[in-house]
Amino acid sequence: MISALVGHGKPRRLLTELLERHQVVSSPQMLAEFVEVMSREKFAEVGRSRLASFLSIIVCRTPIVSVKHTRRVVAQDPEDDMVLSTALKGNASTLSPESSIF
């Protein structure tokens, strides 16, 4: 999402296609982490209004699921456990490598 917001290339096209063609789920925790990362000095050029517009699009196009318990799965980066827990709570399925999105 960060690359889609700050760049104009493949990450933005990928996110756009995902939002248009698939059900993407998120959680308040994932959105909060995104906002926290985007508030760092190195992303200051993005601007608050651009970030707010981007978040509005995400919130309008994705179901937001409440994740109360995070499963411990990713030993190398426990923060990634939230992504997996959100996917599980949202009953997410996977995309096959043959999907036209890749």
PDB file of N, CA and C in Angstrom:
ATOM      1  N   MET A   1       0.826  -1.191   0.000  1.00  0.00           N
ATOM      2  CA  MET A   1       0.000   0.000   0.000  1.00  0.00           C
ATOM      3  C   MET A   1       0.866   1.249   0.000  1.00  0.00           C
ATOM      4  N   ILE A   2       1.983   1.188   0.718  1.00  0.00           N
ATOM      5  CA  ILE A   2       2.866   2.354   0.754  1.00  0.00           C
ATOM      6  C   ILE A   2       3.412   2.644  -0.634  1.00  0.00           C
ATOM      7  N   SER A   3       3.890   1.608  -1.315  1.00  0.00           N
ATOM      8  CA  SER A   3       4.419   1.805  -2.670  1.00  0.00           C
ATOM      9  C   SER A   3       3.334   2.290  -3.621  1.00  0.00           C
ATOM     10  N   ALA A   4       2.115   1.823  -3.424  1.00  0.00           N
ATOM     11  CA  ALA A   4       1.010   2.260  -4.283  1.00  0.00           C
ATOM     12  C   ALA A   4       0.695   3.736  -4.059  1.00  0.00           C
ATOM     13  N   LEU A   5       0.849   4.200  -2.838  1.00  0.00           N
ATOM     14  CA  LEU A   5       0.557   5.600  -2.535  1.00  0.00           C
ATOM     15  C   LEU A   5       1.674   6.529  -2.985  1.00  0.00           C
ATOM     16  N   VAL A   6       2.924   6.165  -2.720  1.00  0.00           N
ATOM     17  CA  VAL A   6       4.026   7.084  -3.018  1.00  0.00           C
ATOM     18  C   VAL A   6       4.539   6.970  -4.448  1.00  0.00           C
ATOM     19  N   GLY A   7       4.248   5.862  -5.128  1.00  0.00           N
ATOM     20  CA  GLY A   7       4.734   5.665  -6.485  1.00  0.00           C
ATOM     21  C   GLY A   7       3.616   5.709  -7.512  1.00  0.00           C
ATOM     22  N   HIS A   8       3.993   5.459  -8.753  1.00  0.00           N
ATOM     23  CA  HIS A   8       3.009   5.492  -9.832  1.00  0.00           C
ATOM     24  C   HIS A   8       3.066   4.259 -10.723  1.00  0.00           C
ATOM     25  N   GLY A   9       3.907   3.328 -10.406  1.00  0.00           N
ATOM     26  CA  GLY A   9       4.130   2.188 -11.281  1.00  0.00           C
ATOM     27  C   GLY A   9       3.319   0.964 -10.942  1.00  0.00           C
ATOM     28  N   LYS A  10       4.000  -0.178 -10.972  1.00  0.00           N
ATOM     29  CA  LYS A  10       3.346  -1.469 -10.784  1.00  0.00           C
ATOM     30  C   LYS A  10       2.590  -1.599  -9.467  1.00  0.00           C
ATOM     31  N   PRO A  11       3.139  -1.149  -8.337  1.00  0.00           N
ATOM     32  CA  PRO A  11       2.382  -1.293  -7.091  1.00  0.00           C
ATOM     33  C   PRO A  11       1.006  -0.614  -7.143  1.00  0.00           C
ATOM     34  N   ARG A  12       0.931   0.558  -7.731  1.00  0.00           N
ATOM     35  CA  ARG A  12      -0.359   1.256  -7.820  1.00  0.00           C
ATOM     36  C   ARG A  12      -1.298   0.517  -8.759  1.00  0.00           C
ATOM     37  N   ARG A  13      -0.783   0.047  -9.881  1.00  0.00           N
ATOM     38  CA  ARG A  13      -1.635  -0.717 -10.818  1.00  0.00           C
ATOM     39  C   ARG A  13      -2.110  -2.008 -10.178  1.00  0.00           C
ATOM     40  N   LEU A  14      -1.239  -2.675  -9.442  1.00  0.00           N
ATOM     41  CA  LEU A  14      -1.601  -3.915  -8.770  1.00  0.00           C
ATOM     42  C   LEU A  14      -2.694  -3.666  -7.735  1.00  0.00           C
ATOM     43  N   LEU A  15      -2.535  -2.655  -6.896  1.00  0.00           N
ATOM     44  CA  LEU A  15      -3.547  -2.359  -5.890  1.00  0.00           C
ATOM     45  C   LEU A  15      -4.865  -1.975  -6.547  1.00  0.00           C
ATOM     46  N   THR A  16      -4.821  -1.179  -7.595  1.00  0.00           N
ATOM     47  CA  THR A  16      -6.039  -0.793  -8.303  1.00  0.00           C
ATOM     48  C   THR A  16      -6.752  -2.025  -8.847  1.00  0.00           C
ATOM     49  N   GLU A  17      -6.005  -2.917  -9.466  1.00  0.00           N
ATOM     50  CA  GLU A  17      -6.609  -4.126 -10.018  1.00  0.00           C
ATOM     51  C   GLU A  17      -7.158  -5.024  -8.917  1.00  0.00           C
ATOM     52  N   LEU A  18      -6.428  -5.145  -7.826  1.00  0.00           N
ATOM     53  CA  LEU A  18      -6.926  -5.936  -6.697  1.00  0.00           C
ATOM     54  C   LEU A  18      -8.253  -5.384  -6.185  1.00  0.00           C
ATOM     55  N   LEU A  19      -8.324  -4.079  -6.002  1.00  0.00           N
ATOM     56  CA  LEU A  19      -9.543  -3.466  -5.493  1.00  0.00           C
ATOM     57  C   LEU A  19     -10.705  -3.576  -6.476  1.00  0.00           C
ATOM     58  N   GLU A  20     -10.415  -3.541  -7.762  1.00  0.00           N
ATOM     59  CA  GLU A  20     -11.474  -3.620  -8.770  1.00  0.00           C
ATOM     60  C   GLU A  20     -11.959  -5.039  -9.021  1.00  0.00           C
ATOM     61  N   ARG A  21     -11.061  -6.016  -8.910  1.00  0.00           N
ATOM     62  CA  ARG A  21     -11.413  -7.375  -9.327  1.00  0.00           C
ATOM     63  C   ARG A  21     -11.535  -8.395  -8.206  1.00  0.00           C
ATOM     64  N   HIS A  22     -11.118  -8.014  -6.996  1.00  0.00           N
ATOM     65  CA  HIS A  22     -11.110  -8.969  -5.900  1.00  0.00           C
ATOM     66  C   HIS A  22     -11.613  -8.326  -4.620  1.00  0.00           C
ATOM     67  N   GLN A  23     -11.993  -9.155  -3.687  1.00  0.00           N
ATOM     68  CA  GLN A  23     -12.385  -8.687  -2.365  1.00  0.00           C
ATOM     69  C   GLN A  23     -11.134  -8.618  -1.505  1.00  0.00           C
ATOM     70  N   VAL A  24     -10.746  -7.444  -1.102  1.00  0.00           N
ATOM     71  CA  VAL A  24      -9.581  -7.231  -0.261  1.00  0.00           C
ATOM     72  C   VAL A  24     -10.097  -6.904   1.135  1.00  0.00           C
ATOM     73  N   VAL A  25      -9.534  -7.525   2.166  1.00  0.00           N
ATOM     74  CA  VAL A  25      -9.964  -7.239   3.535  1.00  0.00           C
ATOM     75  C   VAL A  25      -8.877  -6.489   4.285  1.00  0.00           C
ATOM     76  N   SER A  26      -9.304  -5.717   5.266  1.00  0.00           N
ATOM     77  CA  SER A  26      -8.363  -4.997   6.106  1.00  0.00           C
ATOM     78  C   SER A  26      -8.883  -5.027   7.536  1.00  0.00           C
ATOM     79  N   SER A  27      -8.112  -4.452   8.437  1.00  0.00           N
ATOM     80  CA  SER A  27      -8.502  -4.376   9.843  1.00  0.00           C
ATOM     81  C   SER A  27      -8.068  -3.015  10.390  1.00  0.00           C
ATOM     82  N   PRO A  28      -8.697  -2.585  11.476  1.00  0.00           N
ATOM     83  CA  PRO A  28      -8.260  -1.316  12.080  1.00  0.00           C
ATOM     84  C   PRO A  28      -6.774  -1.332  12.435  1.00  0.00           C
ATOM     85  N   GLN A  29      -6.274  -2.481  12.865  1.00  0.00           N
ATOM     86  CA  GLN A  29      -4.864  -2.577  13.232  1.00  0.00           C
ATOM     87  C   GLN A  29      -3.958  -2.390  12.021  1.00  0.00           C
ATOM     88  N   MET A  30      -4.330  -2.989  10.894  1.00  0.00           N
ATOM     89  CA  MET A  30      -3.518  -2.829   9.681  1.00  0.00           C
ATOM     90  C   MET A  30      -3.555  -1.388   9.198  1.00  0.00           C
ATOM     91  N   LEU A  31      -4.727  -0.773   9.239  1.00  0.00           N
ATOM     92  CA  LEU A  31      -4.834   0.620   8.803  1.00  0.00           C
ATOM     93  C   LEU A  31      -4.062   1.543   9.739  1.00  0.00           C
ATOM     94  N   ALA A  32      -4.106   1.262  11.034  1.00  0.00           N
ATOM     95  CA  ALA A  32      -3.357   2.073  11.999  1.00  0.00           C
ATOM     96  C   ALA A  32      -1.852   1.959  11.756  1.00  0.00           C
ATOM     97  N   GLU A  33      -1.386   0.758  11.461  1.00  0.00           N
ATOM     98  CA  GLU A  33       0.043   0.581  11.178  1.00  0.00           C
ATOM     99  C   GLU A  33       0.430   1.335   9.905  1.00  0.00           C
ATOM    100  N   PHE A  34      -0.431   1.285   8.896  1.00  0.00           N
ATOM    101  CA  PHE A  34      -0.181   2.013   7.652  1.00  0.00           C
ATOM    102  C   PHE A  34      -0.062   3.519   7.932  1.00  0.00           C
ATOM    103  N   VAL A  35      -0.996   4.058   8.709  1.00  0.00           N
ATOM    104  CA  VAL A  35      -0.964   5.482   9.040  1.00  0.00           C
ATOM    105  C   VAL A  35       0.293   5.817   9.844  1.00  0.00           C
ATOM    106  N   GLU A  36       0.657   4.945  10.778  1.00  0.00           N
ATOM    107  CA  GLU A  36       1.857   5.183  11.579  1.00  0.00           C
ATOM    108  C   GLU A  36       3.096   5.232  10.695  1.00  0.00           C
ATOM    109  N   VAL A  37       3.225   4.299   9.780  1.00  0.00           N
ATOM    110  CA  VAL A  37       4.385   4.280   8.880  1.00  0.00           C
ATOM    111  C   VAL A  37       4.380   5.529   8.000  1.00  0.00           C
ATOM    112  N   MET A  38       3.217   5.898   7.490  1.00  0.00           N
ATOM    113  CA  MET A  38       3.129   7.062   6.600  1.00  0.00           C
ATOM    114  C   MET A  38       3.386   8.376   7.332  1.00  0.00           C
ATOM    115  N   SER A  39       3.319   8.366   8.664  1.00  0.00           N
ATOM    116  CA  SER A  39       3.582   9.593   9.420  1.00  0.00           C
ATOM    117  C   SER A  39       5.076   9.818   9.657  1.00  0.00           C
ATOM    118  N   ARG A  40       5.900   8.880   9.229  1.00  0.00           N
ATOM    119  CA  ARG A  40       7.345   9.028   9.397  1.00  0.00           C
ATOM    120  C   ARG A  40       7.885  10.132   8.484  1.00  0.00           C
ATOM    121  N   GLU A  41       8.953  10.732   8.922  1.00  0.00           N
ATOM    122  CA  GLU A  41       9.541  11.877   8.216  1.00  0.00           C
ATOM    123  C   GLU A  41       9.835  11.591   6.746  1.00  0.00           C
ATOM    124  N   LYS A  42      10.279  10.372   6.439  1.00  0.00           N
ATOM    125  CA  LYS A  42      10.650  10.086   5.054  1.00  0.00           C
ATOM    126  C   LYS A  42       9.455  10.108   4.094  1.00  0.00           C
ATOM    127  N   PHE A  43       8.228  10.090   4.623  1.00  0.00           N
ATOM    128  CA  PHE A  43       7.035  10.162   3.781  1.00  0.00           C
ATOM    129  C   PHE A  43       6.328  11.514   3.901  1.00  0.00           C
ATOM    130  N   ALA A  44       7.005  12.510   4.441  1.00  0.00           N
ATOM    131  CA  ALA A  44       6.403  13.828   4.672  1.00  0.00           C
ATOM    132  C   ALA A  44       5.887  14.465   3.390  1.00  0.00           C
ATOM    133  N   GLU A  45       6.527  14.159   2.252  1.00  0.00           N
ATOM    134  CA  GLU A  45       6.111  14.778   0.986  1.00  0.00           C
ATOM    135  C   GLU A  45       4.738  14.303   0.508  1.00  0.00           C
ATOM    136  N   VAL A  46       4.246  13.214   1.062  1.00  0.00           N
ATOM    137  CA  VAL A  46       2.941  12.684   0.628  1.00  0.00           C
ATOM    138  C   VAL A  46       1.820  13.645   0.987  1.00  0.00           C
ATOM    139  N   GLY A  47       1.842  14.210   2.154  1.00  0.00           N
ATOM    140  CA  GLY A  47       0.820  15.163   2.566  1.00  0.00           C
ATOM    141  C   GLY A  47      -0.393  14.483   3.180  1.00  0.00           C
ATOM    142  N   ARG A  48      -0.982  15.164   4.136  1.00  0.00           N
ATOM    143  CA  ARG A  48      -2.122  14.610   4.872  1.00  0.00           C
ATOM    144  C   ARG A  48      -3.358  14.419   4.009  1.00  0.00           C
ATOM    145  N   SER A  49      -3.643  15.360   3.131  1.00  0.00           N
ATOM    146  CA  SER A  49      -4.860  15.239   2.320  1.00  0.00           C
ATOM    147  C   SER A  49      -4.757  14.082   1.333  1.00  0.00           C
ATOM    148  N   ARG A  50      -3.584  13.875   0.777  1.00  0.00           N
ATOM    149  CA  ARG A  50      -3.388  12.746  -0.138  1.00  0.00           C
ATOM    150  C   ARG A  50      -3.521  11.416   0.612  1.00  0.00           C
ATOM    151  N   LEU A  51      -2.944  11.349   1.810  1.00  0.00           N
ATOM    152  CA  LEU A  51      -3.062  10.159   2.636  1.00  0.00           C
ATOM    153  C   LEU A  51      -4.527   9.920   3.008  1.00  0.00           C
ATOM    154  N   ALA A  52      -5.231  10.964   3.393  1.00  0.00           N
ATOM    155  CA  ALA A  52      -6.645  10.838   3.770  1.00  0.00           C
ATOM    156  C   ALA A  52      -7.487  10.357   2.587  1.00  0.00           C
ATOM    157  N   SER A  53      -7.221  10.868   1.399  1.00  0.00           N
ATOM    158  CA  SER A  53      -7.949  10.432   0.204  1.00  0.00           C
ATOM    159  C   SER A  53      -7.684   8.967  -0.092  1.00  0.00           C
ATOM    160  N   PHE A  54      -6.442   8.574   0.011  1.00  0.00           N
ATOM    161  CA  PHE A  54      -6.056   7.190  -0.232  1.00  0.00           C
ATOM    162  C   PHE A  54      -6.744   6.266   0.773  1.00  0.00           C
ATOM    163  N   LEU A  55      -6.696   6.626   2.056  1.00  0.00           N
ATOM    164  CA  LEU A  55      -7.349   5.818   3.087  1.00  0.00           C
ATOM    165  C   LEU A  55      -8.850   5.735   2.861  1.00  0.00           C
ATOM    166  N   SER A  56      -9.443   6.813   2.423  1.00  0.00           N
ATOM    167  CA  SER A  56     -10.879   6.817   2.140  1.00  0.00           C
ATOM    168  C   SER A  56     -11.229   5.791   1.062  1.00  0.00           C
ATOM    169  N   ILE A  57     -10.413   5.727   0.027  1.00  0.00           N
ATOM    170  CA  ILE A  57     -10.628   4.747  -1.038  1.00  0.00           C
ATOM    171  C   ILE A  57     -10.514   3.332  -0.485  1.00  0.00           C
ATOM    172  N   ILE A  58      -9.492   3.085   0.306  1.00  0.00           N
ATOM    173  CA  ILE A  58      -9.284   1.756   0.885  1.00  0.00           C
ATOM    174  C   ILE A  58     -10.462   1.372   1.777  1.00  0.00           C
ATOM    175  N   VAL A  59     -10.867   2.263   2.649  1.00  0.00           N
ATOM    176  CA  VAL A  59     -11.955   1.973   3.585  1.00  0.00           C
ATOM    177  C   VAL A  59     -13.279   1.761   2.856  1.00  0.00           C
ATOM    178  N   CYS A  60     -13.521   2.516   1.812  1.00  0.00           N
ATOM    179  CA  CYS A  60     -14.767   2.366   1.051  1.00  0.00           C
ATOM    180  C   CYS A  60     -14.815   1.074   0.240  1.00  0.00           C
ATOM    181  N   ARG A  61     -13.678   0.571  -0.168  1.00  0.00           N
ATOM    182  CA  ARG A  61     -13.641  -0.595  -1.062  1.00  0.00           C
ATOM    183  C   ARG A  61     -13.274  -1.910  -0.383  1.00  0.00           C
ATOM    184  N   THR A  62     -12.984  -1.876   0.909  1.00  0.00           N
ATOM    185  CA  THR A  62     -12.589  -3.108   1.592  1.00  0.00           C
ATOM    186  C   THR A  62     -13.430  -3.311   2.846  1.00  0.00           C
ATOM    187  N   PRO A  63     -13.834  -4.545   3.094  1.00  0.00           N
ATOM    188  CA  PRO A  63     -14.459  -4.810   4.387  1.00  0.00           C
ATOM    189  C   PRO A  63     -13.403  -4.687   5.483  1.00  0.00           C
ATOM    190  N   ILE A  64     -13.774  -4.077   6.579  1.00  0.00           N
ATOM    191  CA  ILE A  64     -12.882  -3.926   7.712  1.00  0.00           C
ATOM    192  C   ILE A  64     -13.328  -4.944   8.766  1.00  0.00           C
ATOM    193  N   VAL A  65     -12.441  -5.874   9.089  1.00  0.00           N
ATOM    194  CA  VAL A  65     -12.765  -6.915  10.054  1.00  0.00           C
ATOM    195  C   VAL A  65     -12.077  -6.619  11.379  1.00  0.00           C
ATOM    196  N   SER A  66     -12.741  -6.966  12.449  1.00  0.00           N
ATOM    197  CA  SER A  66     -12.192  -6.764  13.782  1.00  0.00           C
ATOM    198  C   SER A  66     -11.369  -7.979  14.179  1.00  0.00           C
ATOM    199  N   VAL A  67     -10.106  -7.756  14.464  1.00  0.00           N
ATOM    200  CA  VAL A  67      -9.206  -8.832  14.873  1.00  0.00           C
ATOM    201  C   VAL A  67      -8.903  -8.634  16.351  1.00  0.00           C
ATOM    202  N   LYS A  68      -9.423  -9.528  17.156  1.00  0.00           N
ATOM    203  CA  LYS A  68      -9.224  -9.412  18.603  1.00  0.00           C
ATOM    204  C   LYS A  68      -7.996 -10.187  19.078  1.00  0.00           C
ATOM    205  N   HIS A  69      -7.693 -11.294  18.417  1.00  0.00           N
ATOM    206  CA  HIS A  69      -6.558 -12.122  18.813  1.00  0.00           C
ATOM    207  C   HIS A  69      -5.680 -12.370  17.591  1.00  0.00           C
ATOM    208  N   THR A  70      -4.398 -12.112  17.750  1.00  0.00           N
ATOM    209  CA  THR A  70      -3.446 -12.341  16.669  1.00  0.00           C
ATOM    210  C   THR A  70      -2.780 -13.686  16.873  1.00  0.00           C
ATOM    211  N   ARG A  71      -2.815 -14.503  15.847  1.00  0.00           N
ATOM    212  CA  ARG A  71      -2.123 -15.793  15.910  1.00  0.00           C
ATOM    213  C   ARG A  71      -0.631 -15.565  15.705  1.00  0.00           C
ATOM    214  N   ARG A  72       0.179 -16.244  16.463  1.00  0.00           N
ATOM    215  CA  ARG A  72       1.631 -16.147  16.337  1.00  0.00           C
ATOM    216  C   ARG A  72       2.085 -17.146  15.276  1.00  0.00           C
ATOM    217  N   VAL A  73       2.517 -16.621  14.128  1.00  0.00           N
ATOM    218  CA  VAL A  73       2.898 -17.477  13.004  1.00  0.00           C
ATOM    219  C   VAL A  73       4.264 -17.100  12.447  1.00  0.00           C
ATOM    220  N   VAL A  74       4.519 -15.819  12.255  1.00  0.00           N
ATOM    221  CA  VAL A  74       5.718 -15.339  11.573  1.00  0.00           C
ATOM    222  C   VAL A  74       6.786 -14.982  12.607  1.00  0.00           C
ATOM    223  N   ALA A  75       7.682 -15.908  12.864  1.00  0.00           N
ATOM    224  CA  ALA A  75       8.706 -15.707  13.898  1.00  0.00           C
ATOM    225  C   ALA A  75       9.656 -14.558  13.546  1.00  0.00           C
ATOM    226  N   GLN A  76      10.011 -14.413  12.258  1.00  0.00           N
ATOM    227  CA  GLN A  76      10.978 -13.398  11.845  1.00  0.00           C
ATOM    228  C   GLN A  76      10.410 -11.984  11.949  1.00  0.00           C
ATOM    229  N   ASP A  77       9.108 -11.824  11.788  1.00  0.00           N
ATOM    230  CA  ASP A  77       8.488 -10.501  11.835  1.00  0.00           C
ATOM    231  C   ASP A  77       7.078 -10.628  12.406  1.00  0.00           C
ATOM    232  N   PRO A  78       6.955 -10.629  13.730  1.00  0.00           N
ATOM    233  CA  PRO A  78       5.648 -10.835  14.364  1.00  0.00           C
ATOM    234  C   PRO A  78       4.579  -9.831  13.940  1.00  0.00           C
ATOM    235  N   GLU A  79       4.986  -8.646  13.464  1.00  0.00           N
ATOM    236  CA  GLU A  79       3.990  -7.679  12.999  1.00  0.00           C
ATOM    237  C   GLU A  79       3.227  -8.211  11.785  1.00  0.00           C
ATOM    238  N   ASP A  80       3.832  -9.114  11.030  1.00  0.00           N
ATOM    239  CA  ASP A  80       3.148  -9.715   9.887  1.00  0.00           C
ATOM    240  C   ASP A  80       2.027 -10.655  10.320  1.00  0.00           C
ATOM    241  N   ASP A  81       2.037 -11.066  11.591  1.00  0.00           N
ATOM    242  CA  ASP A  81       0.959 -11.905  12.097  1.00  0.00           C
ATOM    243  C   ASP A  81      -0.400 -11.212  11.966  1.00  0.00           C
ATOM    244  N   MET A  82      -0.409  -9.886  12.062  1.00  0.00           N
ATOM    245  CA  MET A  82      -1.667  -9.145  11.931  1.00  0.00           C
ATOM    246  C   MET A  82      -2.251  -9.309  10.527  1.00  0.00           C
ATOM    247  N   VAL A  83      -1.400  -9.328   9.526  1.00  0.00           N
ATOM    248  CA  VAL A  83      -1.872  -9.508   8.145  1.00  0.00           C
ATOM    249  C   VAL A  83      -2.542 -10.869   7.996  1.00  0.00           C
ATOM    250  N   LEU A  84      -1.895 -11.896   8.512  1.00  0.00           N
ATOM    251  CA  LEU A  84      -2.460 -13.240   8.431  1.00  0.00           C
ATOM    252  C   LEU A  84      -3.737 -13.363   9.253  1.00  0.00           C
ATOM    253  N   SER A  85      -3.768 -12.772  10.440  1.00  0.00           N
ATOM    254  CA  SER A  85      -4.965 -12.823  11.279  1.00  0.00           C
ATOM    255  C   SER A  85      -6.125 -12.083  10.627  1.00  0.00           C
ATOM    256  N   THR A  86      -5.831 -10.978   9.970  1.00  0.00           N
ATOM    257  CA  THR A  86      -6.865 -10.231   9.250  1.00  0.00           C
ATOM    258  C   THR A  86      -7.416 -11.074   8.104  1.00  0.00           C
ATOM    259  N   ALA A  87      -6.539 -11.715   7.370  1.00  0.00           N
ATOM    260  CA  ALA A  87      -6.975 -12.575   6.262  1.00  0.00           C
ATOM    261  C   ALA A  87      -7.851 -13.713   6.768  1.00  0.00           C
ATOM    262  N   LEU A  88      -7.451 -14.336   7.865  1.00  0.00           N
ATOM    263  CA  LEU A  88      -8.246 -15.425   8.432  1.00  0.00           C
ATOM    264  C   LEU A  88      -9.612 -14.932   8.897  1.00  0.00           C
ATOM    265  N   LYS A  89      -9.644 -13.824   9.615  1.00  0.00           N
ATOM    266  CA  LYS A  89     -10.908 -13.265  10.118  1.00  0.00           C
ATOM    267  C   LYS A  89     -11.824 -12.848   8.965  1.00  0.00           C
ATOM    268  N   GLY A  90     -11.230 -12.371   7.876  1.00  0.00           N
ATOM    269  CA  GLY A  90     -12.003 -11.935   6.719  1.00  0.00           C
ATOM    270  C   GLY A  90     -12.334 -13.056   5.752  1.00  0.00           C
ATOM    271  N   ASN A  91     -11.992 -14.306   6.126  1.00  0.00           N
ATOM    272  CA  ASN A  91     -12.243 -15.466   5.260  1.00  0.00           C
ATOM    273  C   ASN A  91     -11.631 -15.286   3.875  1.00  0.00           C
ATOM    274  N   ALA A  92     -10.444 -14.728   3.854  1.00  0.00           N
ATOM    275  CA  ALA A  92      -9.770 -14.468   2.577  1.00  0.00           C
ATOM    276  C   ALA A  92      -9.345 -15.772   1.918  1.00  0.00           C
ATOM    277  N   SER A  93      -9.419 -15.768   0.615  1.00  0.00           N
ATOM    278  CA  SER A  93      -8.882 -16.882  -0.160  1.00  0.00           C
ATOM    279  C   SER A  93      -7.613 -16.382  -0.832  1.00  0.00           C
ATOM    280  N   THR A  94      -6.888 -17.276  -1.432  1.00  0.00           N
ATOM    281  CA  THR A  94      -5.655 -16.878  -2.100  1.00  0.00           C
ATOM    282  C   THR A  94      -5.875 -16.772  -3.596  1.00  0.00           C
ATOM    283  N   LEU A  95      -5.004 -16.040  -4.232  1.00  0.00           N
ATOM    284  CA  LEU A  95      -4.998 -15.962  -5.690  1.00  0.00           C
ATOM    285  C   LEU A  95      -4.004 -16.980  -6.203  1.00  0.00           C
ATOM    286  N   SER A  96      -4.350 -17.652  -7.239  1.00  0.00           N
ATOM    287  CA  SER A  96      -3.416 -18.616  -7.798  1.00  0.00           C
ATOM    288  C   SER A  96      -2.356 -17.891  -8.615  1.00  0.00           C
ATOM    289  N   PRO A  97      -1.171 -18.484  -8.779  1.00  0.00           N
ATOM    290  CA  PRO A  97      -0.134 -17.854  -9.583  1.00  0.00           C
ATOM    291  C   PRO A  97      -0.582 -17.640 -11.033  1.00  0.00           C
ATOM    292  N   GLU A  98      -1.582 -18.388 -11.476  1.00  0.00           N
ATOM    293  CA  GLU A  98      -2.070 -18.245 -12.850  1.00  0.00           C
ATOM    294  C   GLU A  98      -3.021 -17.054 -13.000  1.00  0.00           C
ATOM    295  N   SER A  99      -3.379 -16.427 -11.909  1.00  0.00           N
ATOM    296  CA  SER A  99      -4.292 -15.290 -11.961  1.00  0.00           C
ATOM    297  C   SER A  99      -3.724 -14.206 -12.855  1.00  0.00           C
ATOM    298  N   SER A 100      -4.588 -13.536 -13.581  1.00  0.00           N
ATOM    299  CA  SER A 100      -4.136 -12.498 -14.515  1.00  0.00           C
ATOM    300  C   SER A 100      -3.534 -11.295 -13.805  1.00  0.00           C
ATOM    301  N   ILE A 101      -3.694 -11.212 -12.496  1.00  0.00           N
ATOM    302  CA  ILE A 101      -3.174 -10.073 -11.783  1.00  0.00           C
ATOM    303  C   ILE A 101      -1.659 -10.130 -11.637  1.00  0.00           C
ATOM    304  N   PHE A 102      -1.076 -11.329 -11.718  1.00  0.00           N
ATOM    305  CA  PHE A 102       0.367 -11.462 -11.534  1.00  0.00           C
ATOM    306  C   PHE A 102       1.055 -11.526 -12.841  1.00  0.00           C
TER     307      PHE A 102
END
